[in-house]
Amino acid sequence: MALSGAQPTEPPLALDGLNAVELPCLDEMTFLAGAMAGKAFADHGAEVIKVEPPATGARERHLGPYRDDVRNRETGGLHLYLNTNKLGVTLDLARPRAPDLLLKLLAGADVVFNPNPPALNDRLGIGWRTLTERFPQLIVVSVTYFGTESPYRDFRGGDLVATHMSGVGFETPFNQATDAQNHSPLKIAGRQSDYLTGYTAAAAAMCAIFARKHSGRGQHVDVSQWLSMVSMIRPSIGTLTHESPDAPAFKRVCTRTKAGAQWVYPCKDGWVSFSGGTDRFWRGAKRAMGNPEWAENELFSTILGRAANIDAIEAALMDWLSTQTRDEAFRKAQAEHTPCFPVYSPAEVAENEQYRARRFFVDLDHPAAGSVRMPGAPCVFSATPWRIRCGAPRLGEHNQRIYRERLAINDAELRALASEQVI
């Protein structure tokens, strides 16, 4: 019970007490998985020290988007989102005096996220074997394109490569290619494979933390961007490994050719997703469409019948949708408990009434960027809720706090390190 007059306190966070270090991506190709893994930890309460090159800062600082199109490495939208709740220090890992500082940082850490290629790590003396031997309780998370022990360990990868090498690109758009030879696989928007890999790394690191509670030892966690993306086509993997090559599902996976109801349909002012697959949804779909006579045909009375005649159903459905706006179709179908939702642009998502009602987007007052609105909690915890405690750090913002106050490096030494461009 709180004492009379005491100020209410914030509830604890899920990862309170955990300490992580996020190393910078030093490869020439931008790779944001480490930053996303660090964000997942920081936003749930872990202390995450983000290490950045002193001259340039992290790669995401240079990717924007920028408010009013004015380039500023402190105010880019991607940087502001990926680095919430982190402490920021600068350190040039290629400088001779840098390894000692990094080892001091890692001595107090539970987890380190390292998004660099194996050969580069070995050259810098921060390979996973070196770190796990020196810090037996440390969980070393390697976040790479193909894994540190893979035959492809030294190959170049990236978002586009992972998307298509995994099979995700091959299946995009899903179940809508009617002319597979001329309907090329699509690249998914943005850098989704980077973010998925980051979440995979964060989840795998948590598994290692739970294992350490029993064993008392850390371990190496090897996260591959390629295999993280492969996990997105689990149904297809099951089809390819367990179905007969003559089965329709096997042929669809191998050819990309449409073999069932598609996921999205054109309507009067854009696109909607609409599904009437099950008997219950089909009854609701008929009511939403005004119980048209064609829908009562006995050919459509069963799931198998509708699947066999899906082309006819889709032609009639699109004819009806051509008279409906996205909002009209959405509200009519939802009223009948039939899955349907509009396909929105990012700007429309930001103003969506459901997201507003759920308070999904959060507002942040950042010292350099001013008022910023960004996506909020990826999951909702009742006892240990997610929250943003501070905005993304300015470049080197916490050098004094970490190096001088925590690592006890005196001011003269810090000035020397700065003059040598180590920090």
Protein backbone atom coordinates (compact mmCIF):
# COMPACT_ATOMS: atom_id res chain seq x y z
CA MET A 1 0.00 0.00 0.00
CA ALA A 2 1.33 3.42 -0.94
CA LEU A 3 2.00 5.88 1.86
CA SER A 4 -0.29 8.88 2.12
CA GLY A 5 0.94 11.63 -0.18
CA ALA A 6 3.40 9.33 -1.98
CA GLN A 7 3.67 9.73 -5.75
CA PRO A 8 2.43 6.77 -7.81
CA THR A 9 5.23 4.71 -9.31
CA GLU A 10 5.45 3.20 -12.77
CA PRO A 11 4.97 -0.58 -12.93
CA PRO A 12 8.10 -2.68 -13.48
CA LEU A 13 9.20 -3.61 -16.99
CA ALA A 14 9.53 -7.17 -18.23
CA LEU A 15 13.31 -7.03 -18.76
CA ASP A 16 14.28 -4.83 -15.82
CA GLY A 17 17.76 -5.73 -14.62
CA LEU A 18 19.06 -7.08 -17.94
CA ASN A 19 21.97 -5.32 -19.63
CA ALA A 20 22.74 -5.53 -23.33
CA VAL A 21 25.28 -4.04 -25.70
CA GLU A 22 24.35 -3.46 -29.34
CA LEU A 23 27.36 -3.29 -31.66
CA PRO A 24 27.26 -1.20 -34.85
CA CYS A 25 26.91 -2.70 -38.31
CA LEU A 26 30.29 -2.00 -39.90
CA ASP A 27 29.68 -3.82 -43.16
CA GLU A 28 29.27 -1.69 -46.29
CA MET A 29 25.70 -2.92 -46.67
CA THR A 30 23.15 -1.48 -44.28
CA PHE A 31 21.75 -4.17 -41.97
CA LEU A 32 19.21 -3.10 -39.34
CA ALA A 33 18.57 -6.40 -37.57
CA GLY A 34 20.87 -5.61 -34.64
CA ALA A 35 19.15 -2.28 -34.05
CA MET A 36 15.73 -3.95 -34.04
CA ALA A 37 16.91 -6.64 -31.62
CA GLY A 38 18.27 -3.93 -29.32
CA LYS A 39 14.99 -2.02 -29.53
CA ALA A 40 12.99 -5.11 -28.58
CA PHE A 41 15.11 -5.43 -25.43
CA ALA A 42 15.24 -1.72 -24.58
CA ASP A 43 11.51 -1.10 -24.97
CA HIS A 44 10.76 -3.94 -22.58
CA GLY A 45 13.03 -2.57 -19.90
CA ALA A 46 16.57 -3.82 -20.51
CA GLU A 47 19.41 -1.33 -20.42
CA VAL A 48 20.80 -1.32 -23.97
CA ILE A 49 24.04 0.50 -24.72
CA LYS A 50 24.15 1.26 -28.44
CA VAL A 51 27.69 1.57 -29.80
CA GLU A 52 28.10 3.80 -32.86
CA PRO A 53 31.05 4.92 -35.01
CA PRO A 54 31.99 8.43 -33.82
CA ALA A 55 32.38 9.97 -37.27
CA THR A 56 29.14 8.84 -38.88
CA GLY A 57 26.88 7.25 -36.32
CA ALA A 58 24.75 4.20 -37.05
CA ARG A 59 23.55 3.53 -40.59
CA GLU A 60 19.89 4.15 -39.80
CA ARG A 61 20.70 7.78 -39.00
CA HIS A 62 21.29 8.34 -42.71
CA LEU A 63 18.20 6.63 -44.10
CA GLY A 64 15.46 9.06 -43.10
CA PRO A 65 12.70 9.83 -43.69
CA TYR A 66 13.42 13.35 -42.53
CA ARG A 67 10.93 15.95 -41.39
CA ASP A 68 10.49 18.56 -44.12
CA ASP A 69 13.15 16.61 -46.10
CA VAL A 70 15.93 18.27 -44.11
CA ARG A 71 18.74 15.75 -43.60
CA ASN A 72 19.79 15.56 -39.97
CA ARG A 73 21.33 12.47 -38.41
CA GLU A 74 19.57 13.23 -35.11
CA THR A 75 16.05 13.51 -36.49
CA GLY A 76 15.63 10.77 -39.10
CA GLY A 77 12.43 8.81 -38.56
CA LEU A 78 14.10 5.39 -38.74
CA HIS A 79 16.72 6.35 -36.16
CA LEU A 80 14.09 7.83 -33.86
CA TYR A 81 12.04 4.63 -34.02
CA LEU A 82 14.76 1.97 -33.86
CA ASN A 83 16.69 3.49 -30.97
CA THR A 84 14.11 4.39 -28.35
CA ASN A 85 15.10 3.78 -24.72
CA LYS A 86 18.76 3.15 -25.58
CA LEU A 87 21.92 4.70 -24.16
CA GLY A 88 24.23 5.90 -26.93
CA VAL A 89 28.03 5.85 -26.92
CA THR A 90 30.56 6.25 -29.69
CA LEU A 91 33.47 3.88 -30.30
CA ASP A 92 35.51 3.20 -33.43
CA LEU A 93 36.07 -0.54 -33.20
CA ALA A 94 38.85 -0.39 -35.80
CA ARG A 95 41.08 1.85 -33.61
CA PRO A 96 43.85 0.12 -31.63
CA ARG A 97 42.59 1.30 -28.24
CA ALA A 98 38.95 0.41 -28.90
CA PRO A 99 39.02 -3.30 -27.94
CA ASP A 100 39.90 -2.55 -24.32
CA LEU A 101 36.96 -0.18 -24.00
CA LEU A 102 34.61 -2.65 -25.61
CA LEU A 103 35.71 -5.44 -23.29
CA LYS A 104 35.00 -3.19 -20.32
CA LEU A 105 31.50 -2.57 -21.67
CA LEU A 106 30.90 -6.26 -22.20
CA ALA A 107 32.12 -7.17 -18.72
CA GLY A 108 28.88 -5.79 -17.29
CA ALA A 109 26.56 -7.11 -20.00
CA ASP A 110 24.20 -10.07 -20.14
CA VAL A 111 23.79 -9.98 -23.92
CA VAL A 112 25.66 -8.58 -26.89
CA PHE A 113 24.03 -8.21 -30.30
CA ASN A 114 26.64 -8.30 -33.08
CA PRO A 115 25.37 -7.69 -36.65
CA ASN A 116 28.74 -8.05 -38.42
CA PRO A 117 30.10 -10.71 -40.81
CA PRO A 118 32.23 -13.48 -39.24
CA ALA A 119 35.43 -12.52 -41.06
CA LEU A 120 35.16 -8.89 -39.93
CA ASN A 121 34.51 -9.95 -36.34
CA ASP A 122 37.57 -12.18 -36.37
CA ARG A 123 39.68 -9.38 -37.81
CA LEU A 124 38.54 -7.04 -35.03
CA GLY A 125 39.06 -9.65 -32.33
CA ILE A 126 35.36 -9.83 -31.42
CA GLY A 127 34.44 -13.21 -32.93
CA TRP A 128 31.91 -15.22 -30.93
CA ARG A 129 34.49 -17.78 -29.79
CA THR A 130 36.73 -15.04 -28.41
CA LEU A 131 33.88 -13.39 -26.53
CA THR A 132 32.31 -16.54 -25.10
CA GLU A 133 35.70 -17.74 -23.86
CA ARG A 134 36.48 -14.44 -22.19
CA PHE A 135 32.98 -13.97 -20.72
CA PRO A 136 31.53 -17.40 -19.89
CA GLN A 137 28.22 -15.92 -18.70
CA LEU A 138 27.75 -13.61 -21.68
CA ILE A 139 25.14 -14.45 -24.32
CA VAL A 140 26.75 -13.60 -27.65
CA VAL A 141 24.15 -13.15 -30.39
CA SER A 142 25.57 -13.23 -33.91
CA VAL A 143 23.13 -11.65 -36.37
CA THR A 144 24.36 -12.34 -39.89
CA TYR A 145 23.06 -12.94 -43.40
CA PHE A 146 23.62 -16.70 -43.47
CA GLY A 147 24.91 -17.76 -40.05
CA THR A 148 28.45 -17.91 -38.69
CA GLU A 149 28.91 -21.64 -39.38
CA SER A 150 27.03 -21.84 -42.69
CA PRO A 151 28.78 -22.74 -45.97
CA TYR A 152 27.57 -19.28 -47.07
CA ARG A 153 29.08 -17.53 -44.03
CA ASP A 154 31.26 -15.22 -46.15
CA PHE A 155 28.68 -14.49 -48.86
CA ARG A 156 26.95 -11.13 -49.16
CA GLY A 157 23.27 -11.11 -48.33
CA GLY A 158 20.72 -8.50 -47.39
CA ASP A 159 17.00 -7.85 -47.45
CA LEU A 160 16.45 -8.60 -51.14
CA VAL A 161 18.59 -11.75 -51.10
CA ALA A 162 16.96 -13.13 -47.94
CA THR A 163 13.48 -12.38 -49.26
CA HIS A 164 13.99 -14.39 -52.42
CA MET A 165 16.44 -17.04 -51.26
CA SER A 166 14.03 -17.96 -48.46
CA GLY A 167 11.10 -18.41 -50.83
CA VAL A 168 9.08 -15.50 -49.43
CA GLY A 169 9.58 -13.44 -52.60
CA PHE A 170 8.67 -16.44 -54.76
CA GLU A 171 5.33 -16.64 -52.95
CA THR A 172 4.62 -12.91 -53.21
CA PRO A 173 1.90 -12.09 -54.16
CA PHE A 174 0.42 -15.18 -52.55
CA ASN A 175 -2.13 -17.10 -54.60
CA GLN A 176 -2.66 -14.32 -57.12
CA ALA A 177 -0.28 -15.14 -59.97
CA THR A 178 -2.37 -16.33 -62.93
CA ASP A 179 0.52 -16.08 -65.39
CA ALA A 180 3.57 -17.14 -63.40
CA GLN A 181 5.95 -16.68 -66.33
CA ASN A 182 5.08 -13.00 -66.61
CA HIS A 183 4.00 -12.21 -63.04
CA SER A 184 7.40 -11.84 -61.43
CA PRO A 185 7.99 -12.43 -57.69
CA LEU A 186 7.77 -9.19 -55.74
CA LYS A 187 10.08 -7.56 -53.23
CA ILE A 188 8.27 -6.97 -49.96
CA ALA A 189 8.18 -3.34 -48.90
CA GLY A 190 10.93 -1.69 -46.89
CA ARG A 191 13.39 -3.84 -44.96
CA GLN A 192 10.99 -6.32 -43.41
CA SER A 193 13.52 -9.14 -43.35
CA ASP A 194 15.91 -6.97 -41.30
CA TYR A 195 13.21 -6.33 -38.72
CA LEU A 196 12.06 -9.95 -38.63
CA THR A 197 15.66 -11.05 -38.12
CA GLY A 198 15.99 -8.58 -35.26
CA TYR A 199 12.93 -9.94 -33.51
CA THR A 200 14.19 -13.48 -34.12
CA ALA A 201 17.50 -12.53 -32.50
CA ALA A 202 15.75 -10.96 -29.50
CA ALA A 203 13.53 -14.03 -29.00
CA ALA A 204 16.50 -16.40 -29.33
CA ALA A 205 18.48 -14.31 -26.84
CA MET A 206 15.63 -14.63 -24.34
CA CYS A 207 15.72 -18.41 -24.73
CA ALA A 208 19.43 -18.29 -23.91
CA ILE A 209 18.73 -16.11 -20.85
CA PHE A 210 16.24 -18.67 -19.54
CA ALA A 211 18.77 -21.45 -20.21
CA ARG A 212 21.43 -19.52 -18.27
CA LYS A 213 19.15 -19.43 -15.23
CA HIS A 214 19.49 -23.21 -15.05
CA SER A 215 23.05 -23.74 -16.31
CA GLY A 216 24.72 -20.57 -15.04
CA ARG A 217 26.49 -20.20 -18.37
CA GLY A 218 26.05 -18.03 -21.42
CA GLN A 219 26.19 -19.32 -24.96
CA HIS A 220 26.53 -18.36 -28.60
CA VAL A 221 23.22 -17.69 -30.40
CA ASP A 222 23.60 -17.89 -34.18
CA VAL A 223 20.82 -16.01 -36.01
CA SER A 224 20.65 -16.11 -39.81
CA GLN A 225 18.61 -13.60 -41.79
CA TRP A 226 18.04 -16.21 -44.49
CA LEU A 227 16.66 -18.81 -42.07
CA SER A 228 14.65 -16.22 -40.17
CA MET A 229 12.82 -15.53 -43.42
CA VAL A 230 12.44 -19.23 -44.21
CA SER A 231 10.37 -19.48 -41.02
CA MET A 232 7.77 -17.30 -42.74
CA ILE A 233 6.82 -20.03 -45.22
CA ARG A 234 6.37 -22.89 -42.75
CA PRO A 235 3.17 -24.16 -44.45
CA SER A 236 5.00 -24.43 -47.76
CA ILE A 237 7.88 -26.29 -46.14
CA GLY A 238 5.36 -28.78 -44.77
CA THR A 239 3.77 -29.11 -48.20
CA LEU A 240 7.08 -29.74 -49.92
CA THR A 241 8.24 -32.30 -47.37
CA HIS A 242 4.99 -34.21 -46.78
CA GLU A 243 2.71 -33.82 -49.80
CA SER A 244 2.82 -35.98 -52.91
CA PRO A 245 4.38 -34.25 -55.95
CA ASP A 246 1.05 -34.86 -57.70
CA ALA A 247 -0.99 -33.06 -55.01
CA PRO A 248 -2.52 -29.71 -56.02
CA ALA A 249 -0.94 -27.96 -53.02
CA PHE A 250 2.52 -29.25 -54.00
CA LYS A 251 2.07 -28.03 -57.56
CA ARG A 252 0.89 -24.62 -56.39
CA VAL A 253 3.91 -24.14 -54.16
CA CYS A 254 6.25 -25.12 -56.99
CA THR A 255 4.63 -23.02 -59.70
CA ARG A 256 3.20 -19.98 -57.84
CA THR A 257 0.05 -20.44 -59.94
CA LYS A 258 -3.20 -19.31 -58.33
CA ALA A 259 -5.12 -22.33 -57.01
CA GLY A 260 -7.73 -20.89 -54.67
CA ALA A 261 -9.26 -17.72 -53.31
CA GLN A 262 -6.92 -14.76 -53.44
CA TRP A 263 -6.33 -12.54 -50.42
CA VAL A 264 -7.19 -9.09 -51.75
CA TYR A 265 -9.68 -7.81 -54.30
CA PRO A 266 -10.22 -4.49 -56.10
CA CYS A 267 -13.17 -2.38 -55.04
CA LYS A 268 -14.60 1.04 -55.90
CA ASP A 269 -11.81 3.11 -54.30
CA GLY A 270 -8.92 0.69 -53.76
CA TRP A 271 -8.52 -2.84 -52.43
CA VAL A 272 -9.97 -4.96 -49.63
CA SER A 273 -9.17 -8.34 -48.18
CA PHE A 274 -12.28 -10.53 -48.13
CA SER A 275 -12.75 -14.15 -47.03
CA GLY A 276 -15.87 -16.32 -47.21
CA GLY A 277 -14.14 -19.68 -47.02
CA THR A 278 -15.87 -21.43 -44.14
CA ASP A 279 -19.59 -22.17 -44.06
CA ARG A 280 -20.15 -19.52 -41.39
CA PHE A 281 -18.19 -16.89 -43.29
CA TRP A 282 -19.98 -17.78 -46.52
CA ARG A 283 -23.39 -17.28 -44.93
CA GLY A 284 -22.22 -13.90 -43.63
CA ALA A 285 -20.75 -12.97 -47.02
CA LYS A 286 -24.07 -13.67 -48.73
CA ARG A 287 -25.92 -11.44 -46.28
CA ALA A 288 -23.30 -8.69 -46.69
CA MET A 289 -23.81 -8.80 -50.46
CA GLY A 290 -27.58 -8.59 -50.09
CA ASN A 291 -28.30 -12.30 -50.61
CA PRO A 292 -27.82 -12.32 -54.41
CA GLU A 293 -29.56 -15.09 -56.30
CA TRP A 294 -26.34 -16.46 -57.80
CA ALA A 295 -24.90 -17.19 -54.34
CA GLU A 296 -27.68 -19.72 -53.66
CA ASN A 297 -26.55 -22.00 -56.47
CA GLU A 298 -26.05 -25.53 -55.13
CA LEU A 299 -22.54 -25.52 -56.59
CA PHE A 300 -21.56 -23.14 -53.78
CA SER A 301 -23.34 -24.90 -50.92
CA THR A 302 -20.25 -26.69 -49.54
CA ILE A 303 -16.62 -25.76 -48.88
CA LEU A 304 -15.45 -28.23 -51.53
CA GLY A 305 -18.00 -26.90 -54.01
CA ARG A 306 -16.89 -23.32 -53.45
CA ALA A 307 -13.23 -24.31 -53.78
CA ALA A 308 -13.94 -26.08 -57.08
CA ASN A 309 -15.81 -23.08 -58.44
CA ILE A 310 -13.78 -20.27 -56.89
CA ASP A 311 -13.28 -18.50 -60.24
CA ALA A 312 -17.04 -18.02 -60.62
CA ILE A 313 -17.42 -16.83 -57.03
CA GLU A 314 -14.55 -14.34 -57.36
CA ALA A 315 -15.94 -12.91 -60.59
CA ALA A 316 -19.30 -12.26 -58.92
CA LEU A 317 -17.65 -11.00 -55.72
CA MET A 318 -15.53 -8.49 -57.63
CA ASP A 319 -18.61 -7.37 -59.54
CA TRP A 320 -20.25 -6.56 -56.20
CA LEU A 321 -17.10 -4.99 -54.77
CA SER A 322 -16.86 -2.68 -57.79
CA THR A 323 -19.96 -0.93 -56.40
CA GLN A 324 -18.57 -0.68 -52.84
CA THR A 325 -15.97 1.57 -51.30
CA ARG A 326 -13.42 0.01 -48.97
CA ASP A 327 -15.27 1.32 -45.95
CA GLU A 328 -18.67 0.13 -47.19
CA ALA A 329 -17.43 -3.40 -47.88
CA PHE A 330 -15.59 -3.49 -44.56
CA ARG A 331 -18.58 -2.41 -42.49
CA LYS A 332 -21.10 -4.64 -44.27
CA ALA A 333 -18.89 -7.73 -43.98
CA GLN A 334 -17.85 -7.02 -40.40
CA ALA A 335 -21.50 -6.59 -39.41
CA GLU A 336 -22.03 -10.19 -40.55
CA HIS A 337 -18.85 -11.44 -38.80
CA THR A 338 -17.16 -12.12 -42.12
CA PRO A 339 -13.42 -11.30 -42.38
CA CYS A 340 -12.87 -8.17 -44.43
CA PHE A 341 -10.56 -5.20 -44.05
CA PRO A 342 -9.44 -2.30 -46.26
CA VAL A 343 -5.94 -2.14 -47.70
CA TYR A 344 -4.62 1.17 -46.36
CA SER A 345 -1.67 3.35 -47.22
CA PRO A 346 0.81 4.09 -44.40
CA ALA A 347 -0.72 7.56 -44.00
CA GLU A 348 -4.19 6.04 -43.67
CA VAL A 349 -2.95 3.50 -41.13
CA ALA A 350 -1.60 6.36 -39.01
CA GLU A 351 -5.09 7.89 -38.87
CA ASN A 352 -7.04 4.64 -38.53
CA GLU A 353 -9.84 4.89 -35.96
CA GLN A 354 -9.20 1.41 -34.55
CA TYR A 355 -5.55 2.19 -33.90
CA ARG A 356 -6.59 5.46 -32.29
CA ALA A 357 -9.08 3.66 -30.06
CA ARG A 358 -6.39 1.18 -29.02
CA ARG A 359 -3.89 4.02 -28.51
CA PHE A 360 -1.41 2.08 -30.60
CA PHE A 361 0.56 5.09 -31.76
CA VAL A 362 2.51 6.94 -29.10
CA ASP A 363 3.72 10.52 -28.97
CA LEU A 364 7.24 11.41 -27.89
CA ASP A 365 8.89 14.76 -27.26
CA HIS A 366 12.47 14.39 -28.53
CA PRO A 367 15.06 17.09 -27.69
CA ALA A 368 16.33 17.28 -31.28
CA ALA A 369 13.32 16.22 -33.35
CA GLY A 370 10.51 17.79 -31.34
CA SER A 371 7.15 16.03 -31.26
CA VAL A 372 7.28 12.56 -32.84
CA ARG A 373 4.54 9.99 -33.28
CA MET A 374 5.53 6.36 -33.76
CA PRO A 375 4.15 2.81 -33.48
CA GLY A 376 3.70 1.63 -29.93
CA ALA A 377 3.73 -1.70 -28.13
CA PRO A 378 4.16 -4.83 -30.29
CA CYS A 379 2.51 -6.86 -27.54
CA VAL A 380 0.54 -5.97 -24.42
CA PHE A 381 1.66 -7.08 -20.96
CA SER A 382 -0.61 -6.27 -18.03
CA ALA A 383 1.85 -6.53 -15.12
CA THR A 384 4.97 -5.31 -16.94
CA PRO A 385 3.73 -3.04 -19.73
CA TRP A 386 5.89 -1.85 -22.62
CA ARG A 387 6.65 1.84 -22.60
CA ILE A 388 8.99 4.43 -24.05
CA ARG A 389 10.98 6.04 -21.28
CA CYS A 390 13.24 8.18 -23.45
CA GLY A 391 13.79 8.94 -27.10
CA ALA A 392 16.63 7.83 -29.34
CA PRO A 393 20.02 9.09 -28.11
CA ARG A 394 21.92 11.84 -29.83
CA LEU A 395 25.27 10.70 -31.20
CA GLY A 396 27.59 10.07 -28.24
CA GLU A 397 25.02 11.44 -25.81
CA HIS A 398 25.96 9.05 -23.01
CA ASN A 399 29.74 8.91 -23.42
CA GLN A 400 30.32 10.72 -20.15
CA ARG A 401 27.76 8.68 -18.26
CA ILE A 402 29.13 5.35 -19.44
CA TYR A 403 32.85 5.94 -19.88
CA ARG A 404 33.56 8.35 -17.02
CA GLU A 405 30.93 7.47 -14.41
CA ARG A 406 30.57 3.75 -15.00
CA LEU A 407 33.94 2.66 -16.38
CA ALA A 408 35.86 5.22 -14.25
CA ILE A 409 37.86 6.67 -17.16
CA ASN A 410 39.16 10.08 -16.11
CA ASP A 411 38.57 13.28 -18.05
CA ALA A 412 42.14 13.54 -19.36
CA GLU A 413 41.95 10.03 -20.78
CA LEU A 414 38.55 10.74 -22.32
CA ARG A 415 39.94 13.83 -24.04
CA ALA A 416 42.83 11.78 -25.38
CA LEU A 417 40.45 9.09 -26.69
CA ALA A 418 38.33 11.76 -28.35
CA SER A 419 41.34 13.48 -29.96
CA GLU A 420 42.43 10.11 -31.36
CA GLN A 421 38.89 9.59 -32.68
CA VAL A 422 38.50 6.39 -30.67
CA ILE A 423 35.27 7.75 -29.16
